[in-house]
C-alpha atoms as a PDB file:
ATOM      1  CA  MET A   1       8.790  -8.120  -8.141  1.00  0.00           C
ATOM      2  CA  PRO A   2       6.924  -8.221  -4.879  1.00  0.00           C
ATOM      3  CA  VAL A   3       2.731  -7.694  -4.996  1.00  0.00           C
ATOM      4  CA  ASN A   4       1.526  -4.656  -3.599  1.00  0.00           C
ATOM      5  CA  ILE A   5      -1.529  -5.844  -1.331  1.00  0.00           C
ATOM      6  CA  TYR A   6      -2.749  -2.360  -0.800  1.00  0.00           C
ATOM      7  CA  ARG A   7      -3.770  -1.462  -4.622  1.00  0.00           C
ATOM      8  CA  ARG A   8      -7.131  -2.027  -5.364  1.00  0.00           C
ATOM      9  CA  GLU A   9      -6.842  -4.857  -8.486  1.00  0.00           C
ATOM     10  CA  ASN A  10      -5.457  -7.037  -5.556  1.00  0.00           C
ATOM     11  CA  LEU A  11      -8.181  -6.569  -2.795  1.00  0.00           C
ATOM     12  CA  PRO A  12     -11.108  -6.936  -4.889  1.00  0.00           C
ATOM     13  CA  MET A  13     -13.144  -8.187  -1.665  1.00  0.00           C
ATOM     14  CA  TYR A  14     -12.313  -4.519  -0.190  1.00  0.00           C
ATOM     15  CA  ALA A  15     -13.711  -2.442  -3.289  1.00  0.00           C
ATOM     16  CA  ASP A  16     -16.726  -1.426  -1.367  1.00  0.00           C
ATOM     17  CA  ILE A  17     -14.817  -0.378   1.623  1.00  0.00           C
ATOM     18  CA  LEU A  18     -15.182   3.660   1.540  1.00  0.00           C
ATOM     19  CA  ALA A  19     -12.369   6.380   2.617  1.00  0.00           C
ATOM     20  CA  HIS A  20     -14.802   9.156   1.475  1.00  0.00           C
ATOM     21  CA  VAL A  21     -18.065   9.440  -0.377  1.00  0.00           C
ATOM     22  CA  LYS A  22     -20.249  12.354  -1.154  1.00  0.00           C
ATOM     23  CA  TYR A  23     -22.878  13.488  -3.432  1.00  0.00           C
ATOM     24  CA  SER A  24     -21.608  15.947  -6.452  1.00  0.00           C
ATOM     25  CA  ASP A  25     -23.194  19.036  -7.881  1.00  0.00           C
ATOM     26  CA  ASN A  26     -24.167  16.719 -10.930  1.00  0.00           C
ATOM     27  CA  GLY A  27     -26.330  14.509  -9.197  1.00  0.00           C
ATOM     28  CA  GLU A  28     -23.964  11.416  -8.691  1.00  0.00           C
ATOM     29  CA  TRP A  29     -22.273  10.165  -6.007  1.00  0.00           C
ATOM     30  CA  LYS A  30     -18.325  10.536  -5.839  1.00  0.00           C
ATOM     31  CA  ILE A  31     -16.839   7.411  -4.151  1.00  0.00           C
ATOM     32  CA  HIS A  32     -13.184   7.200  -2.786  1.00  0.00           C
ATOM     33  CA  PRO A  33     -12.398   3.559  -2.166  1.00  0.00           C
ATOM     34  CA  LEU A  34     -10.419   3.334   0.858  1.00  0.00           C
ATOM     35  CA  GLN A  35      -7.518   1.074  -0.747  1.00  0.00           C
ATOM     36  CA  GLU A  36      -7.239   3.576  -3.223  1.00  0.00           C
ATOM     37  CA  HIS A  37      -6.999   6.534  -0.615  1.00  0.00           C
ATOM     38  CA  LEU A  38      -4.292   4.898   1.374  1.00  0.00           C
ATOM     39  CA  HIS A  39      -2.055   3.729  -1.825  1.00  0.00           C
ATOM     40  CA  ALA A  40      -2.285   7.452  -3.143  1.00  0.00           C
ATOM     41  CA  THR A  41      -1.841   8.937   0.229  1.00  0.00           C
ATOM     42  CA  ALA A  42       1.194   6.379   0.941  1.00  0.00           C
ATOM     43  CA  THR A  43       2.717   7.325  -2.519  1.00  0.00           C
ATOM     44  CA  ARG A  44       2.312  10.998  -2.212  1.00  0.00           C
ATOM     45  CA  ALA A  45       3.852  10.801   1.432  1.00  0.00           C
ATOM     46  CA  GLY A  46       6.938   8.623   0.261  1.00  0.00           C
ATOM     47  CA  GLU A  47       7.545  11.134  -2.769  1.00  0.00           C
ATOM     48  CA  PHE A  48       7.948  13.820  -0.098  1.00  0.00           C
ATOM     49  CA  ALA A  49       9.770  11.901   2.158  1.00  0.00           C
ATOM     50  CA  ALA A  50      12.528  10.761  -0.031  1.00  0.00           C
ATOM     51  CA  ALA A  51      14.093  14.337   0.083  1.00  0.00           C
ATOM     52  CA  PHE A  52      15.303  13.406   3.274  1.00  0.00           C
ATOM     53  CA  GLY A  53      15.908   9.530   2.808  1.00  0.00           C
ATOM     54  CA  ASN A  54      12.971   8.242   4.541  1.00  0.00           C
ATOM     55  CA  ARG A  55      10.488   7.177   1.864  1.00  0.00           C
ATOM     56  CA  ASP A  56       9.783   3.744   3.212  1.00  0.00           C
ATOM     57  CA  TRP A  57       8.655   5.134   6.602  1.00  0.00           C
ATOM     58  CA  ALA A  58       6.354   7.610   5.033  1.00  0.00           C
ATOM     59  CA  GLU A  59       4.973   5.082   2.608  1.00  0.00           C
ATOM     60  CA  LEU A  60       4.106   2.840   5.775  1.00  0.00           C
ATOM     61  CA  LEU A  61       2.530   5.743   7.595  1.00  0.00           C
ATOM     62  CA  GLY A  62       0.391   6.647   4.600  1.00  0.00           C
ATOM     63  CA  TYR A  63      -0.921   3.035   4.370  1.00  0.00           C
ATOM     64  CA  TRP A  64      -1.861   2.922   7.980  1.00  0.00           C
ATOM     65  CA  HIS A  65      -3.060   6.372   8.592  1.00  0.00           C
ATOM     66  CA  ASP A  66      -6.937   5.447   8.073  1.00  0.00           C
ATOM     67  CA  LEU A  67      -6.863   1.949   8.815  1.00  0.00           C
ATOM     68  CA  GLY A  68      -9.621   2.646  11.225  1.00  0.00           C
ATOM     69  CA  LYS A  69     -11.842   3.019   8.442  1.00  0.00           C
ATOM     70  CA  PHE A  70     -12.087  -0.560   7.818  1.00  0.00           C
ATOM     71  CA  HIS A  71     -14.176  -0.980  11.051  1.00  0.00           C
ATOM     72  CA  PRO A  72     -17.575  -1.977  10.064  1.00  0.00           C
ATOM     73  CA  GLU A  73     -19.168   0.909  12.661  1.00  0.00           C
ATOM     74  CA  TRP A  74     -16.843   3.584  11.026  1.00  0.00           C
ATOM     75  CA  GLN A  75     -18.365   2.335   7.372  1.00  0.00           C
ATOM     76  CA  ARG A  76     -21.790   2.213   8.700  1.00  0.00           C
ATOM     77  CA  TYR A  77     -21.457   6.007  10.042  1.00  0.00           C
ATOM     78  CA  LEU A  78     -19.725   7.408   6.677  1.00  0.00           C
ATOM     79  CA  ARG A  79     -22.322   5.763   4.666  1.00  0.00           C
ATOM     80  CA  ARG A  80     -25.335   7.006   7.226  1.00  0.00           C
ATOM     81  CA  LYS A  81     -23.876  10.449   7.613  1.00  0.00           C
ATOM     82  CA  SER A  82     -23.470  10.976   3.969  1.00  0.00           C
ATOM     83  CA  GLY A  83     -26.853   9.797   2.802  1.00  0.00           C
ATOM     84  CA  TYR A  84     -24.950   7.457   0.703  1.00  0.00           C
ATOM     85  CA  ASP A  85     -26.662   4.015   2.388  1.00  0.00           C
ATOM     86  CA  GLU A  86     -29.336   4.801   4.567  1.00  0.00           C
ATOM     87  CA  GLU A  87     -30.123   1.548   5.072  1.00  0.00           C
ATOM     88  CA  ASN A  88     -27.088   0.560   7.176  1.00  0.00           C
END
């Protein structure tokens, strides 16, 4: 079986790349790593599209829909705007 390169455990070097981050009501940061977000989106899109025979295309688009968030400028913006990392 091929390795799914988008799974978090297969890409430990990208574990700190964020899709979303927010400060929760309980005083802790809620972090959503980008690779987890992309995988979850791809899985869900594939499930919906399977009904009309397009699971593969939907999964591909799910993986690609937020690839721009890997860009260092976007990561700095996200961290600064949320207050998660005010130094960057």
